[in-house]
Amino acid sequence: MLAPSLANHYQQLIEKPRDLTLIRLKLEQGLYYTTQDFADDVMLCFANAKLFCKEIPEFKGVYDAAVAI
C-alpha cells in the first residue's frame, strides 16, 4: 500500500493503472479474449512501474526489475 502522497502522485502520473493483482483477477474472470490482450496488460504494468518508480529512490529495486523484464 502506498503512502497517500505517493498514491496521489501515482494517480497523477499514470494514465492507465495496471497491477498484477488486477491482471490476475481479469484472468480468473475470463476477461482476456486474446493472449495479446493479456500481454498488453502485463507490458502496461511494467511500463507503469518503470515510469513511476524511476523517480523514487526507495523503489529502485522495482524499477530495476521492471527494466530487466
PDB file of N, CA and C in Angstrom:
ATOM      1  N   MET A   1       0.840  -1.173   0.000  1.00  0.00           N
ATOM      2  CA  MET A   1       0.000   0.000   0.000  1.00  0.00           C
ATOM      3  C   MET A   1       0.891   1.245   0.000  1.00  0.00           C
ATOM      4  N   LEU A   2       0.597   2.142  -0.879  1.00  0.00           N
ATOM      5  CA  LEU A   2       1.372   3.374  -0.979  1.00  0.00           C
ATOM      6  C   LEU A   2       0.906   4.409   0.048  1.00  0.00           C
ATOM      7  N   ALA A   3       1.853   5.204   0.510  1.00  0.00           N
ATOM      8  CA  ALA A   3       1.507   6.346   1.350  1.00  0.00           C
ATOM      9  C   ALA A   3       0.602   7.269   0.541  1.00  0.00           C
ATOM     10  N   PRO A   4      -0.295   7.981   1.206  1.00  0.00           N
ATOM     11  CA  PRO A   4      -1.243   8.847   0.475  1.00  0.00           C
ATOM     12  C   PRO A   4      -0.573   9.806  -0.508  1.00  0.00           C
ATOM     13  N   SER A   5       0.548  10.395  -0.137  1.00  0.00           N
ATOM     14  CA  SER A   5       1.202  11.334  -1.055  1.00  0.00           C
ATOM     15  C   SER A   5       1.719  10.615  -2.293  1.00  0.00           C
ATOM     16  N   LEU A   6       2.256   9.398  -2.122  1.00  0.00           N
ATOM     17  CA  LEU A   6       2.723   8.630  -3.275  1.00  0.00           C
ATOM     18  C   LEU A   6       1.549   8.142  -4.120  1.00  0.00           C
ATOM     19  N   ALA A   7       0.469   7.767  -3.466  1.00  0.00           N
ATOM     20  CA  ALA A   7      -0.721   7.329  -4.204  1.00  0.00           C
ATOM     21  C   ALA A   7      -1.257   8.459  -5.067  1.00  0.00           C
ATOM     22  N   ASN A   8      -1.280   9.659  -4.524  1.00  0.00           N
ATOM     23  CA  ASN A   8      -1.729  10.812  -5.307  1.00  0.00           C
ATOM     24  C   ASN A   8      -0.806  11.055  -6.490  1.00  0.00           C
ATOM     25  N   HIS A   9       0.496  10.954  -6.243  1.00  0.00           N
ATOM     26  CA  HIS A   9       1.473  11.145  -7.328  1.00  0.00           C
ATOM     27  C   HIS A   9       1.277  10.078  -8.412  1.00  0.00           C
ATOM     28  N   TYR A  10       1.060   8.840  -7.980  1.00  0.00           N
ATOM     29  CA  TYR A  10       0.837   7.741  -8.935  1.00  0.00           C
ATOM     30  C   TYR A  10      -0.389   8.042  -9.800  1.00  0.00           C
ATOM     31  N   GLN A  11      -1.471   8.454  -9.165  1.00  0.00           N
ATOM     32  CA  GLN A  11      -2.704   8.725  -9.897  1.00  0.00           C
ATOM     33  C   GLN A  11      -2.539   9.865 -10.898  1.00  0.00           C
ATOM     34  N   GLN A  12      -1.702  10.840 -10.560  1.00  0.00           N
ATOM     35  CA  GLN A  12      -1.467  11.959 -11.472  1.00  0.00           C
ATOM     36  C   GLN A  12      -0.547  11.556 -12.624  1.00  0.00           C
ATOM     37  N   LEU A  13       0.403  10.675 -12.343  1.00  0.00           N
ATOM     38  CA  LEU A  13       1.424  10.322 -13.328  1.00  0.00           C
ATOM     39  C   LEU A  13       0.971   9.214 -14.281  1.00  0.00           C
ATOM     40  N   ILE A  14       0.262   8.236 -13.762  1.00  0.00           N
ATOM     41  CA  ILE A  14      -0.079   7.036 -14.534  1.00  0.00           C
ATOM     42  C   ILE A  14      -1.472   7.186 -15.136  1.00  0.00           C
ATOM     43  N   GLU A  15      -1.500   7.224 -16.454  1.00  0.00           N
ATOM     44  CA  GLU A  15      -2.752   7.440 -17.176  1.00  0.00           C
ATOM     45  C   GLU A  15      -3.692   6.237 -17.120  1.00  0.00           C
ATOM     46  N   LYS A  16      -3.114   5.030 -17.232  1.00  0.00           N
ATOM     47  CA  LYS A  16      -3.923   3.808 -17.260  1.00  0.00           C
ATOM     48  C   LYS A  16      -3.316   2.810 -16.266  1.00  0.00           C
ATOM     49  N   PRO A  17      -3.736   2.871 -15.001  1.00  0.00           N
ATOM     50  CA  PRO A  17      -3.151   1.988 -13.987  1.00  0.00           C
ATOM     51  C   PRO A  17      -3.382   0.513 -14.301  1.00  0.00           C
ATOM     52  N   ARG A  18      -2.377  -0.269 -13.984  1.00  0.00           N
ATOM     53  CA  ARG A  18      -2.483  -1.712 -14.159  1.00  0.00           C
ATOM     54  C   ARG A  18      -1.520  -2.344 -13.152  1.00  0.00           C
ATOM     55  N   ASP A  19      -1.968  -3.348 -12.422  1.00  0.00           N
ATOM     56  CA  ASP A  19      -1.087  -4.051 -11.496  1.00  0.00           C
ATOM     57  C   ASP A  19      -1.337  -5.549 -11.619  1.00  0.00           C
ATOM     58  N   LEU A  20      -0.439  -6.329 -11.016  1.00  0.00           N
ATOM     59  CA  LEU A  20      -0.523  -7.779 -11.172  1.00  0.00           C
ATOM     60  C   LEU A  20      -1.776  -8.358 -10.517  1.00  0.00           C
ATOM     61  N   THR A  21      -2.268  -7.737  -9.465  1.00  0.00           N
ATOM     62  CA  THR A  21      -3.495  -8.217  -8.828  1.00  0.00           C
ATOM     63  C   THR A  21      -4.679  -8.053  -9.774  1.00  0.00           C
ATOM     64  N   LEU A  22      -4.779  -6.910 -10.416  1.00  0.00           N
ATOM     65  CA  LEU A  22      -5.860  -6.684 -11.370  1.00  0.00           C
ATOM     66  C   LEU A  22      -5.735  -7.636 -12.562  1.00  0.00           C
ATOM     67  N   ILE A  23      -4.523  -7.848 -13.020  1.00  0.00           N
ATOM     68  CA  ILE A  23      -4.309  -8.770 -14.139  1.00  0.00           C
ATOM     69  C   ILE A  23      -4.771 -10.179 -13.755  1.00  0.00           C
ATOM     70  N   ARG A  24      -4.407 -10.617 -12.541  1.00  0.00           N
ATOM     71  CA  ARG A  24      -4.835 -11.942 -12.086  1.00  0.00           C
ATOM     72  C   ARG A  24      -6.362 -12.033 -12.023  1.00  0.00           C
ATOM     73  N   LEU A  25      -7.004 -11.000 -11.483  1.00  0.00           N
ATOM     74  CA  LEU A  25      -8.463 -11.011 -11.391  1.00  0.00           C
ATOM     75  C   LEU A  25      -9.109 -11.082 -12.777  1.00  0.00           C
ATOM     76  N   LYS A  26      -8.591 -10.287 -13.701  1.00  0.00           N
ATOM     77  CA  LYS A  26      -9.137 -10.309 -15.064  1.00  0.00           C
ATOM     78  C   LYS A  26      -8.938 -11.683 -15.703  1.00  0.00           C
ATOM     79  N   LEU A  27      -7.799 -12.304 -15.429  1.00  0.00           N
ATOM     80  CA  LEU A  27      -7.519 -13.633 -15.975  1.00  0.00           C
ATOM     81  C   LEU A  27      -8.481 -14.664 -15.384  1.00  0.00           C
ATOM     82  N   GLU A  28      -8.665 -14.629 -14.068  1.00  0.00           N
ATOM     83  CA  GLU A  28      -9.568 -15.573 -13.404  1.00  0.00           C
ATOM     84  C   GLU A  28     -11.019 -15.386 -13.846  1.00  0.00           C
ATOM     85  N   GLN A  29     -11.392 -14.167 -14.185  1.00  0.00           N
ATOM     86  CA  GLN A  29     -12.772 -13.886 -14.593  1.00  0.00           C
ATOM     87  C   GLN A  29     -12.990 -14.054 -16.099  1.00  0.00           C
ATOM     88  N   GLY A  30     -11.948 -14.464 -16.802  1.00  0.00           N
ATOM     89  CA  GLY A  30     -12.075 -14.691 -18.232  1.00  0.00           C
ATOM     90  C   GLY A  30     -12.261 -13.419 -19.037  1.00  0.00           C
ATOM     91  N   LEU A  31     -11.671 -12.325 -18.564  1.00  0.00           N
ATOM     92  CA  LEU A  31     -11.850 -11.045 -19.242  1.00  0.00           C
ATOM     93  C   LEU A  31     -10.804 -10.767 -20.315  1.00  0.00           C
ATOM     94  N   TYR A  32      -9.889 -11.695 -20.513  1.00  0.00           N
ATOM     95  CA  TYR A  32      -8.935 -11.566 -21.617  1.00  0.00           C
ATOM     96  C   TYR A  32      -9.437 -12.453 -22.754  1.00  0.00           C
ATOM     97  N   TYR A  33      -9.670 -11.836 -23.895  1.00  0.00           N
ATOM     98  CA  TYR A  33     -10.212 -12.573 -25.024  1.00  0.00           C
ATOM     99  C   TYR A  33      -9.126 -13.071 -25.958  1.00  0.00           C
ATOM    100  N   THR A  34      -7.943 -12.457 -25.870  1.00  0.00           N
ATOM    101  CA  THR A  34      -6.814 -12.920 -26.670  1.00  0.00           C
ATOM    102  C   THR A  34      -5.557 -12.901 -25.806  1.00  0.00           C
ATOM    103  N   THR A  35      -4.583 -13.671 -26.221  1.00  0.00           N
ATOM    104  CA  THR A  35      -3.306 -13.643 -25.498  1.00  0.00           C
ATOM    105  C   THR A  35      -2.655 -12.273 -25.639  1.00  0.00           C
ATOM    106  N   GLN A  36      -2.939 -11.574 -26.724  1.00  0.00           N
ATOM    107  CA  GLN A  36      -2.375 -10.239 -26.915  1.00  0.00           C
ATOM    108  C   GLN A  36      -2.945  -9.251 -25.894  1.00  0.00           C
ATOM    109  N   ASP A  37      -4.240  -9.382 -25.575  1.00  0.00           N
ATOM    110  CA  ASP A  37      -4.848  -8.530 -24.543  1.00  0.00           C
ATOM    111  C   ASP A  37      -4.132  -8.724 -23.207  1.00  0.00           C
ATOM    112  N   PHE A  38      -3.874  -9.984 -22.862  1.00  0.00           N
ATOM    113  CA  PHE A  38      -3.165 -10.303 -21.629  1.00  0.00           C
ATOM    114  C   PHE A  38      -1.745  -9.730 -21.663  1.00  0.00           C
ATOM    115  N   ALA A  39      -1.037  -9.967 -22.753  1.00  0.00           N
ATOM    116  CA  ALA A  39       0.334  -9.469 -22.888  1.00  0.00           C
ATOM    117  C   ALA A  39       0.382  -7.947 -22.816  1.00  0.00           C
ATOM    118  N   ASP A  40      -0.579  -7.288 -23.419  1.00  0.00           N
ATOM    119  CA  ASP A  40      -0.632  -5.818 -23.381  1.00  0.00           C
ATOM    120  C   ASP A  40      -0.769  -5.310 -21.946  1.00  0.00           C
ATOM    121  N   ASP A  41      -1.618  -5.960 -21.158  1.00  0.00           N
ATOM    122  CA  ASP A  41      -1.781  -5.545 -19.768  1.00  0.00           C
ATOM    123  C   ASP A  41      -0.505  -5.777 -18.957  1.00  0.00           C
ATOM    124  N   VAL A  42       0.144  -6.909 -19.173  1.00  0.00           N
ATOM    125  CA  VAL A  42       1.391  -7.193 -18.459  1.00  0.00           C
ATOM    126  C   VAL A  42       2.445  -6.151 -18.821  1.00  0.00           C
ATOM    127  N   MET A  43       2.581  -5.848 -20.098  1.00  0.00           N
ATOM    128  CA  MET A  43       3.569  -4.853 -20.519  1.00  0.00           C
ATOM    129  C   MET A  43       3.221  -3.466 -19.975  1.00  0.00           C
ATOM    130  N   LEU A  44       1.929  -3.127 -19.924  1.00  0.00           N
ATOM    131  CA  LEU A  44       1.499  -1.856 -19.353  1.00  0.00           C
ATOM    132  C   LEU A  44       1.861  -1.789 -17.869  1.00  0.00           C
ATOM    133  N   CYS A  45       1.670  -2.884 -17.162  1.00  0.00           N
ATOM    134  CA  CYS A  45       2.013  -2.942 -15.746  1.00  0.00           C
ATOM    135  C   CYS A  45       3.483  -2.596 -15.535  1.00  0.00           C
ATOM    136  N   PHE A  46       4.358  -3.202 -16.320  1.00  0.00           N
ATOM    137  CA  PHE A  46       5.790  -2.951 -16.163  1.00  0.00           C
ATOM    138  C   PHE A  46       6.194  -1.576 -16.687  1.00  0.00           C
ATOM    139  N   ALA A  47       5.537  -1.093 -17.707  1.00  0.00           N
ATOM    140  CA  ALA A  47       5.811   0.267 -18.190  1.00  0.00           C
ATOM    141  C   ALA A  47       5.428   1.290 -17.114  1.00  0.00           C
ATOM    142  N   ASN A  48       4.284   1.071 -16.464  1.00  0.00           N
ATOM    143  CA  ASN A  48       3.872   1.955 -15.372  1.00  0.00           C
ATOM    144  C   ASN A  48       4.878   1.915 -14.228  1.00  0.00           C
ATOM    145  N   ALA A  49       5.352   0.729 -13.898  1.00  0.00           N
ATOM    146  CA  ALA A  49       6.340   0.589 -12.820  1.00  0.00           C
ATOM    147  C   ALA A  49       7.615   1.355 -13.151  1.00  0.00           C
ATOM    148  N   LYS A  50       8.058   1.239 -14.390  1.00  0.00           N
ATOM    149  CA  LYS A  50       9.273   1.970 -14.782  1.00  0.00           C
ATOM    150  C   LYS A  50       9.060   3.473 -14.689  1.00  0.00           C
ATOM    151  N   LEU A  51       7.948   3.944 -15.159  1.00  0.00           N
ATOM    152  CA  LEU A  51       7.667   5.380 -15.150  1.00  0.00           C
ATOM    153  C   LEU A  51       7.571   5.917 -13.721  1.00  0.00           C
ATOM    154  N   PHE A  52       6.833   5.232 -12.879  1.00  0.00           N
ATOM    155  CA  PHE A  52       6.607   5.705 -11.516  1.00  0.00           C
ATOM    156  C   PHE A  52       7.833   5.513 -10.630  1.00  0.00           C
ATOM    157  N   CYS A  53       8.435   4.353 -10.683  1.00  0.00           N
ATOM    158  CA  CYS A  53       9.491   4.004  -9.726  1.00  0.00           C
ATOM    159  C   CYS A  53      10.837   4.646 -10.028  1.00  0.00           C
ATOM    160  N   LYS A  54      11.057   5.103 -11.242  1.00  0.00           N
ATOM    161  CA  LYS A  54      12.355   5.693 -11.555  1.00  0.00           C
ATOM    162  C   LYS A  54      12.590   6.998 -10.802  1.00  0.00           C
ATOM    163  N   GLU A  55      11.541   7.650 -10.343  1.00  0.00           N
ATOM    164  CA  GLU A  55      11.657   8.926  -9.636  1.00  0.00           C
ATOM    165  C   GLU A  55      11.802   8.768  -8.122  1.00  0.00           C
ATOM    166  N   ILE A  56      11.647   7.545  -7.618  1.00  0.00           N
ATOM    167  CA  ILE A  56      11.591   7.339  -6.169  1.00  0.00           C
ATOM    168  C   ILE A  56      12.722   6.404  -5.743  1.00  0.00           C
ATOM    169  N   PRO A  57      13.716   6.936  -5.035  1.00  0.00           N
ATOM    170  CA  PRO A  57      14.882   6.121  -4.656  1.00  0.00           C
ATOM    171  C   PRO A  57      14.525   4.832  -3.912  1.00  0.00           C
ATOM    172  N   GLU A  58      13.491   4.855  -3.070  1.00  0.00           N
ATOM    173  CA  GLU A  58      13.106   3.652  -2.314  1.00  0.00           C
ATOM    174  C   GLU A  58      12.605   2.532  -3.218  1.00  0.00           C
ATOM    175  N   PHE A  59      12.203   2.873  -4.420  1.00  0.00           N
ATOM    176  CA  PHE A  59      11.668   1.882  -5.355  1.00  0.00           C
ATOM    177  C   PHE A  59      12.655   1.513  -6.456  1.00  0.00           C
ATOM    178  N   LYS A  60      13.929   1.785  -6.238  1.00  0.00           N
ATOM    179  CA  LYS A  60      14.947   1.486  -7.250  1.00  0.00           C
ATOM    180  C   LYS A  60      14.931   0.007  -7.644  1.00  0.00           C
ATOM    181  N   GLY A  61      14.756  -0.872  -6.670  1.00  0.00           N
ATOM    182  CA  GLY A  61      14.721  -2.306  -6.955  1.00  0.00           C
ATOM    183  C   GLY A  61      13.575  -2.680  -7.874  1.00  0.00           C
ATOM    184  N   VAL A  62      12.420  -2.076  -7.655  1.00  0.00           N
ATOM    185  CA  VAL A  62      11.253  -2.337  -8.511  1.00  0.00           C
ATOM    186  C   VAL A  62      11.530  -1.821  -9.920  1.00  0.00           C
ATOM    187  N   TYR A  63      12.099  -0.621  -9.991  1.00  0.00           N
ATOM    188  CA  TYR A  63      12.442  -0.041 -11.303  1.00  0.00           C
ATOM    189  C   TYR A  63      13.419  -0.943 -12.040  1.00  0.00           C
ATOM    190  N   ASP A  64      14.473  -1.367 -11.344  1.00  0.00           N
ATOM    191  CA  ASP A  64      15.485  -2.223 -11.983  1.00  0.00           C
ATOM    192  C   ASP A  64      14.876  -3.532 -12.476  1.00  0.00           C
ATOM    193  N   ALA A  65      13.978  -4.122 -11.689  1.00  0.00           N
ATOM    194  CA  ALA A  65      13.329  -5.375 -12.094  1.00  0.00           C
ATOM    195  C   ALA A  65      12.435  -5.143 -13.311  1.00  0.00           C
ATOM    196  N   ALA A  66      11.702  -4.035 -13.335  1.00  0.00           N
ATOM    197  CA  ALA A  66      10.831  -3.740 -14.480  1.00  0.00           C
ATOM    198  C   ALA A  66      11.647  -3.516 -15.748  1.00  0.00           C
ATOM    199  N   VAL A  67      12.779  -2.874 -15.612  1.00  0.00           N
ATOM    200  CA  VAL A  67      13.653  -2.636 -16.770  1.00  0.00           C
ATOM    201  C   VAL A  67      14.212  -3.962 -17.284  1.00  0.00           C
ATOM    202  N   ALA A  68      14.561  -4.852 -16.366  1.00  0.00           N
ATOM    203  CA  ALA A  68      15.122  -6.150 -16.755  1.00  0.00           C
ATOM    204  C   ALA A  68      14.137  -6.993 -17.536  1.00  0.00           C
ATOM    205  N   ILE A  69      12.857  -6.794 -17.269  1.00  0.00           N
ATOM    206  CA  ILE A  69      11.821  -7.573 -17.965  1.00  0.00           C
ATOM    207  C   ILE A  69      11.602  -6.934 -19.303  1.00  0.00           C
TER     208      ILE A  69
END
